[in-house]
Amino acid sequence: MNWPVDLQEPMSMPDPYFPIKLNFCKSYEYGQVMFPHHWHRHMEFLYFESGEAIIECNAEPVHVRAGDLIVLNSNDLHQGTSLSNHLIYYALIADLNSLQSPSQDAVETRFITPMTQSRLLFQSHISGDQRLQRCMSEIVEEFRSREIGHELSVKSYMYQLLSLLVRGYVANVSDWKHTEHRMKNLERFTPILQYIEEHYAEEITIDRLAGLAGLSRFHFSRLFHELTNRTVTEYINRVRINRAEYLLLNTSMTVSEVAMAAGYNDISYFSRTFKKYRNFAPSETRMLLS
């Protein structure tokens, strides 16, 4: 069965003959969603220059700060939320096929091909590694200056970046069948996650989502938890609370108006749920930045 992949981010490259690009990104609002849940075939590296954020990778939230590196393997489901009023980071996106050799060699068979096939994966959060920081800084500078031969330099730094990751940050993934199974579930559930992102303010039932996936309620709930490490209700509440926090911090809407906009008709239930996920009441949220 062919499932739509609405959460698969298209990866257009400015130069199709050099499929490596760098995006400069910034956020000026605490609680702003940097990017919603999505995934892609390419590898991505998020390098943080200033500020703080929460990056969720495969349902695991990570608190990142300036100097940290987030490595997003092919098919990693990820989402980001700013924790600063001045967040600056770079997103380096690379099609590893561009690093493959025209003929089979040790680099190709032992490293590049396993990476492209998601058999060689790296841990997602790296902090305090000065060698990786220097490598990322050099790549940023090459894209910024674009001097003649910058493509050669960027490609050489990409090999250096990957070699540092291979030496110190390979994830412990021994069960390839489990990884392959997860990738198939990710493609199956992308329209479900997209539906939640678009309809969080409406009533969303498990039966409705299971029907969209063509699965029984029980089977759907089991696979959803396996993919996101959360129940359907927990996942929907997190999406709603993230949106509610953003509205509280960046608009003049009342708590009741925010609750309605985030999909909660019961103000008391909204307040309890918000406090459960944030450890403080909605009414206290605006005091945090005062």
C-alpha atoms as a PDB file:
ATOM      1  CA  MET A   1       0.000   0.000   0.000  1.00  0.00           C
ATOM      2  CA  ASN A   2       1.344   3.480  -0.881  1.00  0.00           C
ATOM      3  CA  TRP A   3       0.917   5.962   1.946  1.00  0.00           C
ATOM      4  CA  PRO A   4       1.160   9.743   1.528  1.00  0.00           C
ATOM      5  CA  VAL A   5       4.248  11.251   3.100  1.00  0.00           C
ATOM      6  CA  ASP A   6       3.109  14.790   3.939  1.00  0.00           C
ATOM      7  CA  LEU A   7       5.664  15.096   6.709  1.00  0.00           C
ATOM      8  CA  GLN A   8       8.515  14.228   4.385  1.00  0.00           C
ATOM      9  CA  GLU A   9      10.149  17.575   3.808  1.00  0.00           C
ATOM     10  CA  PRO A  10      11.105  18.226   0.183  1.00  0.00           C
ATOM     11  CA  MET A  11      14.816  18.878  -0.145  1.00  0.00           C
ATOM     12  CA  SER A  12      15.413  21.227  -3.054  1.00  0.00           C
ATOM     13  CA  MET A  13      19.051  22.160  -3.508  1.00  0.00           C
ATOM     14  CA  PRO A  14      20.236  25.526  -4.924  1.00  0.00           C
ATOM     15  CA  ASP A  15      22.809  23.607  -6.973  1.00  0.00           C
ATOM     16  CA  PRO A  16      21.655  20.104  -8.023  1.00  0.00           C
ATOM     17  CA  TYR A  17      25.268  19.276  -8.873  1.00  0.00           C
ATOM     18  CA  PHE A  18      26.335  20.101  -5.313  1.00  0.00           C
ATOM     19  CA  PRO A  19      23.577  18.742  -3.031  1.00  0.00           C
ATOM     20  CA  ILE A  20      24.861  20.225   0.214  1.00  0.00           C
ATOM     21  CA  LYS A  21      23.289  23.419   1.543  1.00  0.00           C
ATOM     22  CA  LEU A  22      23.399  25.598   4.643  1.00  0.00           C
ATOM     23  CA  ASN A  23      20.428  27.533   6.009  1.00  0.00           C
ATOM     24  CA  PHE A  24      20.801  30.406   8.455  1.00  0.00           C
ATOM     25  CA  CYS A  25      17.923  30.261  10.954  1.00  0.00           C
ATOM     26  CA  LYS A  26      16.783  32.504  13.783  1.00  0.00           C
ATOM     27  CA  SER A  27      13.886  32.967  16.181  1.00  0.00           C
ATOM     28  CA  TYR A  28      13.009  36.042  18.200  1.00  0.00           C
ATOM     29  CA  GLU A  29      10.161  34.603  20.249  1.00  0.00           C
ATOM     30  CA  TYR A  30      10.284  32.262  23.237  1.00  0.00           C
ATOM     31  CA  GLY A  31       8.031  29.278  22.607  1.00  0.00           C
ATOM     32  CA  GLN A  32       8.046  29.652  18.824  1.00  0.00           C
ATOM     33  CA  VAL A  33       7.941  26.387  16.910  1.00  0.00           C
ATOM     34  CA  MET A  34      11.144  26.406  14.864  1.00  0.00           C
ATOM     35  CA  PHE A  35       9.864  23.583  12.673  1.00  0.00           C
ATOM     36  CA  PRO A  36       6.939  21.151  13.078  1.00  0.00           C
ATOM     37  CA  HIS A  37       7.339  17.383  13.091  1.00  0.00           C
ATOM     38  CA  HIS A  38       8.832  16.205   9.809  1.00  0.00           C
ATOM     39  CA  TRP A  39      11.472  13.878   8.365  1.00  0.00           C
ATOM     40  CA  HIS A  40      13.561  13.549   5.245  1.00  0.00           C
ATOM     41  CA  ARG A  41      15.954  11.207   3.488  1.00  0.00           C
ATOM     42  CA  HIS A  42      18.932  13.552   3.716  1.00  0.00           C
ATOM     43  CA  MET A  43      21.123  13.954   6.795  1.00  0.00           C
ATOM     44  CA  GLU A  44      20.824  17.233   8.664  1.00  0.00           C
ATOM     45  CA  PHE A  45      23.077  18.911  11.209  1.00  0.00           C
ATOM     46  CA  LEU A  46      21.763  21.694  13.446  1.00  0.00           C
ATOM     47  CA  TYR A  47      24.548  23.850  14.894  1.00  0.00           C
ATOM     48  CA  PHE A  48      23.510  26.381  17.572  1.00  0.00           C
ATOM     49  CA  GLU A  49      25.314  29.710  17.735  1.00  0.00           C
ATOM     50  CA  SER A  50      23.242  31.401  20.461  1.00  0.00           C
ATOM     51  CA  GLY A  51      20.162  30.815  22.593  1.00  0.00           C
ATOM     52  CA  GLU A  52      18.479  27.634  23.760  1.00  0.00           C
ATOM     53  CA  ALA A  53      15.878  25.273  22.318  1.00  0.00           C
ATOM     54  CA  ILE A  54      14.141  21.947  22.748  1.00  0.00           C
ATOM     55  CA  ILE A  55      14.748  19.598  19.840  1.00  0.00           C
ATOM     56  CA  GLU A  56      12.657  16.464  19.790  1.00  0.00           C
ATOM     57  CA  CYS A  57      14.156  13.599  17.821  1.00  0.00           C
ATOM     58  CA  ASN A  58      12.227  10.333  17.536  1.00  0.00           C
ATOM     59  CA  ALA A  59      10.090  11.312  20.555  1.00  0.00           C
ATOM     60  CA  GLU A  60      13.125  12.114  22.746  1.00  0.00           C
ATOM     61  CA  PRO A  61      13.331  15.809  23.786  1.00  0.00           C
ATOM     62  CA  VAL A  62      16.790  17.365  24.128  1.00  0.00           C
ATOM     63  CA  HIS A  63      17.669  20.752  25.653  1.00  0.00           C
ATOM     64  CA  VAL A  64      20.302  22.373  23.422  1.00  0.00           C
ATOM     65  CA  ARG A  65      22.480  25.432  23.995  1.00  0.00           C
ATOM     66  CA  ALA A  66      25.029  27.493  22.080  1.00  0.00           C
ATOM     67  CA  GLY A  67      27.811  25.291  20.695  1.00  0.00           C
ATOM     68  CA  ASP A  68      25.691  22.130  20.649  1.00  0.00           C
ATOM     69  CA  LEU A  69      25.235  19.983  17.563  1.00  0.00           C
ATOM     70  CA  ILE A  70      22.124  17.974  16.701  1.00  0.00           C
ATOM     71  CA  VAL A  71      22.665  15.158  14.210  1.00  0.00           C
ATOM     72  CA  LEU A  72      19.521  14.090  12.368  1.00  0.00           C
ATOM     73  CA  ASN A  73      19.957  10.781  10.608  1.00  0.00           C
ATOM     74  CA  SER A  74      17.969   9.911   7.528  1.00  0.00           C
ATOM     75  CA  ASN A  75      14.326   9.236   8.492  1.00  0.00           C
ATOM     76  CA  ASP A  76      14.613  10.754  11.983  1.00  0.00           C
ATOM     77  CA  LEU A  77      11.310  12.369  13.001  1.00  0.00           C
ATOM     78  CA  HIS A  78      12.128  15.757  14.519  1.00  0.00           C
ATOM     79  CA  GLN A  79      10.582  18.972  15.795  1.00  0.00           C
ATOM     80  CA  GLY A  80      11.995  22.089  17.464  1.00  0.00           C
ATOM     81  CA  THR A  81      10.804  24.785  19.866  1.00  0.00           C
ATOM     82  CA  SER A  82      12.731  27.928  20.805  1.00  0.00           C
ATOM     83  CA  LEU A  83      13.502  28.622  24.463  1.00  0.00           C
ATOM     84  CA  SER A  84      15.016  32.036  23.761  1.00  0.00           C
ATOM     85  CA  ASN A  85      14.051  35.450  22.465  1.00  0.00           C
ATOM     86  CA  HIS A  86      17.182  35.450  20.327  1.00  0.00           C
ATOM     87  CA  LEU A  87      17.970  32.017  18.929  1.00  0.00           C
ATOM     88  CA  ILE A  88      20.456  31.594  16.083  1.00  0.00           C
ATOM     89  CA  TYR A  89      21.393  28.282  14.495  1.00  0.00           C
ATOM     90  CA  TYR A  90      22.526  26.802  11.205  1.00  0.00           C
ATOM     91  CA  ALA A  91      20.957  23.860   9.398  1.00  0.00           C
ATOM     92  CA  LEU A  92      23.430  21.923   7.250  1.00  0.00           C
ATOM     93  CA  ILE A  93      21.615  19.529   4.921  1.00  0.00           C
ATOM     94  CA  ALA A  94      23.483  16.974   2.852  1.00  0.00           C
ATOM     95  CA  ASP A  95      22.606  14.299   0.357  1.00  0.00           C
ATOM     96  CA  LEU A  96      25.241  11.709   1.232  1.00  0.00           C
ATOM     97  CA  ASN A  97      25.017  10.288  -2.265  1.00  0.00           C
ATOM     98  CA  SER A  98      27.181  13.251  -3.248  1.00  0.00           C
ATOM     99  CA  LEU A  99      29.981  11.766  -1.141  1.00  0.00           C
ATOM    100  CA  GLN A 100      29.826   8.368  -2.774  1.00  0.00           C
ATOM    101  CA  SER A 101      32.680   7.250  -4.963  1.00  0.00           C
ATOM    102  CA  PRO A 102      32.215   6.453  -8.670  1.00  0.00           C
ATOM    103  CA  SER A 103      33.777   3.062  -7.913  1.00  0.00           C
ATOM    104  CA  GLN A 104      33.508   0.850  -4.867  1.00  0.00           C
ATOM    105  CA  ASP A 105      36.170   1.521  -2.238  1.00  0.00           C
ATOM    106  CA  ALA A 106      36.553   1.205   1.533  1.00  0.00           C
ATOM    107  CA  VAL A 107      34.945   4.596   2.191  1.00  0.00           C
ATOM    108  CA  GLU A 108      31.950   3.640   0.071  1.00  0.00           C
ATOM    109  CA  THR A 109      31.341   0.123   1.406  1.00  0.00           C
ATOM    110  CA  ARG A 110      32.212   0.625   5.084  1.00  0.00           C
ATOM    111  CA  PHE A 111      30.754   4.068   5.746  1.00  0.00           C
ATOM    112  CA  ILE A 112      28.844   6.052   3.095  1.00  0.00           C
ATOM    113  CA  THR A 113      26.547   3.277   1.854  1.00  0.00           C
ATOM    114  CA  PRO A 114      25.600   2.157   5.407  1.00  0.00           C
ATOM    115  CA  MET A 115      24.783   5.791   6.237  1.00  0.00           C
ATOM    116  CA  THR A 116      22.542   6.196   3.192  1.00  0.00           C
ATOM    117  CA  GLN A 117      20.771   2.944   4.096  1.00  0.00           C
ATOM    118  CA  SER A 118      20.327   3.928   7.784  1.00  0.00           C
ATOM    119  CA  ARG A 119      22.474   1.016   8.914  1.00  0.00           C
ATOM    120  CA  LEU A 120      25.082   3.353  10.381  1.00  0.00           C
ATOM    121  CA  LEU A 121      23.428   5.903  12.661  1.00  0.00           C
ATOM    122  CA  PHE A 122      24.781   8.589  14.972  1.00  0.00           C
ATOM    123  CA  GLN A 123      23.636   9.828  18.350  1.00  0.00           C
ATOM    124  CA  SER A 124      21.479  12.907  18.064  1.00  0.00           C
ATOM    125  CA  HIS A 125      22.871  15.344  20.676  1.00  0.00           C
ATOM    126  CA  ILE A 126      26.548  16.285  20.903  1.00  0.00           C
ATOM    127  CA  SER A 127      27.795  18.927  23.325  1.00  0.00           C
ATOM    128  CA  GLY A 128      31.246  20.259  24.112  1.00  0.00           C
ATOM    129  CA  ASP A 129      33.169  18.686  21.223  1.00  0.00           C
ATOM    130  CA  GLN A 130      35.529  21.434  20.090  1.00  0.00           C
ATOM    131  CA  ARG A 131      36.669  19.527  17.008  1.00  0.00           C
ATOM    132  CA  LEU A 132      33.111  19.259  15.723  1.00  0.00           C
ATOM    133  CA  GLN A 133      32.478  22.897  16.614  1.00  0.00           C
ATOM    134  CA  ARG A 134      35.515  23.989  14.598  1.00  0.00           C
ATOM    135  CA  CYS A 135      34.465  21.799  11.689  1.00  0.00           C
ATOM    136  CA  MET A 136      30.953  23.262  11.640  1.00  0.00           C
ATOM    137  CA  SER A 137      32.337  26.808  11.979  1.00  0.00           C
ATOM    138  CA  GLU A 138      34.599  26.237   8.967  1.00  0.00           C
ATOM    139  CA  ILE A 139      31.676  24.954   6.893  1.00  0.00           C
ATOM    140  CA  VAL A 140      29.602  27.997   7.883  1.00  0.00           C
ATOM    141  CA  GLU A 141      32.449  30.305   6.885  1.00  0.00           C
ATOM    142  CA  GLU A 142      32.902  28.561   3.508  1.00  0.00           C
ATOM    143  CA  PHE A 143      29.229  29.032   2.671  1.00  0.00           C
ATOM    144  CA  ARG A 144      29.371  32.625   3.898  1.00  0.00           C
ATOM    145  CA  SER A 145      32.423  33.647   1.850  1.00  0.00           C
ATOM    146  CA  ARG A 146      31.788  31.417  -1.187  1.00  0.00           C
ATOM    147  CA  GLU A 147      35.340  31.894  -2.394  1.00  0.00           C
ATOM    148  CA  ILE A 148      36.448  29.994  -5.469  1.00  0.00           C
ATOM    149  CA  GLY A 149      36.748  26.305  -4.630  1.00  0.00           C
ATOM    150  CA  HIS A 150      34.385  26.514  -1.656  1.00  0.00           C
ATOM    151  CA  GLU A 151      32.670  23.350  -2.897  1.00  0.00           C
ATOM    152  CA  LEU A 152      35.955  21.450  -2.564  1.00  0.00           C
ATOM    153  CA  SER A 153      36.492  22.799   0.921  1.00  0.00           C
ATOM    154  CA  VAL A 154      32.929  22.056   2.086  1.00  0.00           C
ATOM    155  CA  LYS A 155      33.139  18.511   0.766  1.00  0.00           C
ATOM    156  CA  SER A 156      36.444  17.941   2.564  1.00  0.00           C
ATOM    157  CA  TYR A 157      34.961  19.257   5.817  1.00  0.00           C
ATOM    158  CA  MET A 158      31.966  16.963   5.325  1.00  0.00           C
ATOM    159  CA  TYR A 159      34.303  13.972   5.248  1.00  0.00           C
ATOM    160  CA  GLN A 160      36.029  15.296   8.377  1.00  0.00           C
ATOM    161  CA  LEU A 161      32.684  15.812  10.107  1.00  0.00           C
ATOM    162  CA  LEU A 162      31.560  12.264   9.320  1.00  0.00           C
ATOM    163  CA  SER A 163      34.905  10.774  10.362  1.00  0.00           C
ATOM    164  CA  LEU A 164      34.633  12.490  13.770  1.00  0.00           C
ATOM    165  CA  LEU A 165      31.112  11.132  14.153  1.00  0.00           C
ATOM    166  CA  VAL A 166      32.196   7.617  13.172  1.00  0.00           C
ATOM    167  CA  ARG A 167      35.017   7.679  15.720  1.00  0.00           C
ATOM    168  CA  GLY A 168      33.053   8.967  18.660  1.00  0.00           C
ATOM    169  CA  TYR A 169      29.289   9.088  18.183  1.00  0.00           C
ATOM    170  CA  VAL A 170      27.966   5.932  16.506  1.00  0.00           C
ATOM    171  CA  ALA A 171      24.609   4.946  17.981  1.00  0.00           C
ATOM    172  CA  ASN A 172      24.199   1.428  19.270  1.00  0.00           C
ATOM    173  CA  VAL A 173      21.900   0.032  16.594  1.00  0.00           C
ATOM    174  CA  SER A 174      22.403  -3.684  16.233  1.00  0.00           C
ATOM    175  CA  ASP A 175      18.954  -4.717  15.051  1.00  0.00           C
ATOM    176  CA  TRP A 176      18.639  -3.631  11.416  1.00  0.00           C
ATOM    177  CA  LYS A 177      15.228  -5.296  11.081  1.00  0.00           C
ATOM    178  CA  HIS A 178      13.907  -3.137  13.932  1.00  0.00           C
ATOM    179  CA  THR A 179      15.230   0.007  12.225  1.00  0.00           C
ATOM    180  CA  GLU A 180      13.695  -1.026   8.915  1.00  0.00           C
ATOM    181  CA  HIS A 181      10.377  -1.729  10.643  1.00  0.00           C
ATOM    182  CA  ARG A 182      10.430   1.722  12.243  1.00  0.00           C
ATOM    183  CA  MET A 183      11.104   3.386   8.892  1.00  0.00           C
ATOM    184  CA  LYS A 184       8.060   1.681   7.375  1.00  0.00           C
ATOM    185  CA  ASN A 185       5.890   2.786  10.310  1.00  0.00           C
ATOM    186  CA  LEU A 186       7.180   6.333   9.932  1.00  0.00           C
ATOM    187  CA  GLU A 187       5.967   6.495   6.336  1.00  0.00           C
ATOM    188  CA  ARG A 188       2.626   4.977   7.343  1.00  0.00           C
ATOM    189  CA  PHE A 189       2.043   7.442  10.188  1.00  0.00           C
ATOM    190  CA  THR A 190       3.212  10.675   8.581  1.00  0.00           C
ATOM    191  CA  PRO A 191      -0.299  11.629   7.384  1.00  0.00           C
ATOM    192  CA  ILE A 192      -1.585  10.968  10.916  1.00  0.00           C
ATOM    193  CA  LEU A 193       0.959  13.289  12.517  1.00  0.00           C
ATOM    194  CA  GLN A 194       0.247  15.885   9.839  1.00  0.00           C
ATOM    195  CA  TYR A 195      -3.482  15.621  10.569  1.00  0.00           C
ATOM    196  CA  ILE A 196      -2.856  16.257  14.278  1.00  0.00           C
ATOM    197  CA  GLU A 197      -0.664  19.295  13.517  1.00  0.00           C
ATOM    198  CA  GLU A 198      -3.379  20.776  11.312  1.00  0.00           C
ATOM    199  CA  HIS A 199      -6.476  19.860  13.377  1.00  0.00           C
ATOM    200  CA  TYR A 200      -5.243  20.109  17.002  1.00  0.00           C
ATOM    201  CA  ALA A 201      -7.897  22.741  17.790  1.00  0.00           C
ATOM    202  CA  GLU A 202     -10.682  20.312  16.832  1.00  0.00           C
ATOM    203  CA  GLU A 203     -11.943  17.188  18.548  1.00  0.00           C
ATOM    204  CA  ILE A 204      -9.621  14.330  17.569  1.00  0.00           C
ATOM    205  CA  THR A 205     -10.564  10.765  18.437  1.00  0.00           C
ATOM    206  CA  ILE A 206      -8.418   7.655  18.305  1.00  0.00           C
ATOM    207  CA  ASP A 207     -11.077   5.964  16.191  1.00  0.00           C
ATOM    208  CA  ARG A 208     -10.842   8.803  13.647  1.00  0.00           C
ATOM    209  CA  LEU A 209      -7.041   8.526  13.440  1.00  0.00           C
ATOM    210  CA  ALA A 210      -7.132   4.747  13.285  1.00  0.00           C
ATOM    211  CA  GLY A 211      -9.594   4.986  10.423  1.00  0.00           C
ATOM    212  CA  LEU A 212      -7.298   7.340   8.527  1.00  0.00           C
ATOM    213  CA  ALA A 213      -4.503   4.806   8.927  1.00  0.00           C
ATOM    214  CA  GLY A 214      -6.712   1.864   7.955  1.00  0.00           C
ATOM    215  CA  LEU A 215      -5.940   0.068  11.223  1.00  0.00           C
ATOM    216  CA  SER A 216      -7.899  -1.244  14.165  1.00  0.00           C
ATOM    217  CA  ARG A 217      -7.960   0.968  17.267  1.00  0.00           C
ATOM    218  CA  PHE A 218      -5.762  -1.474  19.198  1.00  0.00           C
ATOM    219  CA  HIS A 219      -3.215  -1.964  16.415  1.00  0.00           C
ATOM    220  CA  PHE A 220      -3.091   1.768  15.700  1.00  0.00           C
ATOM    221  CA  SER A 221      -2.533   2.687  19.354  1.00  0.00           C
ATOM    222  CA  ARG A 222       0.250   0.116  19.715  1.00  0.00           C
ATOM    223  CA  LEU A 223       2.118   1.252  16.597  1.00  0.00           C
ATOM    224  CA  PHE A 224       1.626   4.933  17.449  1.00  0.00           C
ATOM    225  CA  HIS A 225       3.210   4.438  20.869  1.00  0.00           C
ATOM    226  CA  GLU A 226       6.003   2.402  19.323  1.00  0.00           C
ATOM    227  CA  LEU A 227       6.819   5.257  16.938  1.00  0.00           C
ATOM    228  CA  THR A 228       6.388   8.299  19.211  1.00  0.00           C
ATOM    229  CA  ASN A 229       6.924   6.771  22.680  1.00  0.00           C
ATOM    230  CA  ARG A 230       3.642   8.409  23.710  1.00  0.00           C
ATOM    231  CA  THR A 231      -0.027   7.525  23.785  1.00  0.00           C
ATOM    232  CA  VAL A 232      -2.227   9.279  21.243  1.00  0.00           C
ATOM    233  CA  THR A 233      -3.729  11.457  23.989  1.00  0.00           C
ATOM    234  CA  GLU A 234      -0.296  12.431  25.322  1.00  0.00           C
ATOM    235  CA  TYR A 235       0.906  13.355  21.849  1.00  0.00           C
ATOM    236  CA  ILE A 236      -2.154  15.495  21.078  1.00  0.00           C
ATOM    237  CA  ASN A 237      -1.907  17.226  24.461  1.00  0.00           C
ATOM    238  CA  ARG A 238       1.749  18.082  23.859  1.00  0.00           C
ATOM    239  CA  VAL A 239       0.922  19.632  20.484  1.00  0.00           C
ATOM    240  CA  ARG A 240      -1.901  21.629  22.057  1.00  0.00           C
ATOM    241  CA  ILE A 241       0.094  22.746  25.105  1.00  0.00           C
ATOM    242  CA  ASN A 242       3.017  23.848  22.902  1.00  0.00           C
ATOM    243  CA  ARG A 243       0.611  25.982  20.904  1.00  0.00           C
ATOM    244  CA  ALA A 244      -1.071  27.322  24.050  1.00  0.00           C
ATOM    245  CA  GLU A 245       2.270  28.327  25.586  1.00  0.00           C
ATOM    246  CA  TYR A 246       3.231  30.168  22.410  1.00  0.00           C
ATOM    247  CA  LEU A 247      -0.061  32.096  22.420  1.00  0.00           C
ATOM    248  CA  LEU A 248       0.279  32.977  26.103  1.00  0.00           C
ATOM    249  CA  LEU A 249       3.780  34.338  25.590  1.00  0.00           C
ATOM    250  CA  ASN A 250       3.285  36.131  22.288  1.00  0.00           C
ATOM    251  CA  THR A 251      -0.303  37.401  22.223  1.00  0.00           C
ATOM    252  CA  SER A 252      -2.653  39.348  24.502  1.00  0.00           C
ATOM    253  CA  MET A 253      -5.300  36.593  24.408  1.00  0.00           C
ATOM    254  CA  THR A 254      -6.876  35.673  27.739  1.00  0.00           C
ATOM    255  CA  VAL A 255      -6.297  32.243  29.244  1.00  0.00           C
ATOM    256  CA  SER A 256      -9.824  31.243  28.214  1.00  0.00           C
ATOM    257  CA  GLU A 257      -9.244  32.384  24.640  1.00  0.00           C
ATOM    258  CA  VAL A 258      -5.942  30.515  24.489  1.00  0.00           C
ATOM    259  CA  ALA A 259      -7.586  27.360  25.800  1.00  0.00           C
ATOM    260  CA  MET A 260     -10.238  27.485  23.094  1.00  0.00           C
ATOM    261  CA  ALA A 261      -7.684  28.223  20.370  1.00  0.00           C
ATOM    262  CA  ALA A 262      -5.603  25.238  21.489  1.00  0.00           C
ATOM    263  CA  GLY A 263      -8.553  22.840  21.396  1.00  0.00           C
ATOM    264  CA  TYR A 264      -9.716  22.817  25.033  1.00  0.00           C
ATOM    265  CA  ASN A 265     -13.384  23.568  25.709  1.00  0.00           C
ATOM    266  CA  ASP A 266     -13.036  22.935  29.451  1.00  0.00           C
ATOM    267  CA  ILE A 267     -10.912  25.682  31.034  1.00  0.00           C
ATOM    268  CA  SER A 268     -10.332  23.699  34.234  1.00  0.00           C
ATOM    269  CA  TYR A 269      -9.109  20.672  32.287  1.00  0.00           C
ATOM    270  CA  PHE A 270      -6.862  22.933  30.216  1.00  0.00           C
ATOM    271  CA  SER A 271      -5.310  24.445  33.355  1.00  0.00           C
ATOM    272  CA  ARG A 272      -4.693  21.022  34.905  1.00  0.00           C
ATOM    273  CA  THR A 273      -3.208  19.667  31.687  1.00  0.00           C
ATOM    274  CA  PHE A 274      -1.009  22.722  31.180  1.00  0.00           C
ATOM    275  CA  LYS A 275       0.348  22.470  34.716  1.00  0.00           C
ATOM    276  CA  LYS A 276       0.991  18.747  34.233  1.00  0.00           C
ATOM    277  CA  TYR A 277       3.215  19.394  31.208  1.00  0.00           C
ATOM    278  CA  ARG A 278       4.786  22.716  32.265  1.00  0.00           C
ATOM    279  CA  ASN A 279       4.786  22.495  36.099  1.00  0.00           C
ATOM    280  CA  PHE A 280       3.096  25.889  36.414  1.00  0.00           C
ATOM    281  CA  ALA A 281      -0.340  27.290  35.682  1.00  0.00           C
ATOM    282  CA  PRO A 282      -1.241  29.050  32.409  1.00  0.00           C
ATOM    283  CA  SER A 283      -1.842  32.280  34.347  1.00  0.00           C
ATOM    284  CA  GLU A 284       1.766  32.176  35.621  1.00  0.00           C
ATOM    285  CA  THR A 285       3.302  31.763  32.165  1.00  0.00           C
ATOM    286  CA  ARG A 286       3.526  35.447  31.265  1.00  0.00           C
ATOM    287  CA  MET A 287       5.276  36.196  34.571  1.00  0.00           C
ATOM    288  CA  LEU A 288       8.226  34.050  33.460  1.00  0.00           C
ATOM    289  CA  LEU A 289       9.356  36.651  30.929  1.00  0.00           C
ATOM    290  CA  SER A 290       8.441  39.745  32.948  1.00  0.00           C
END
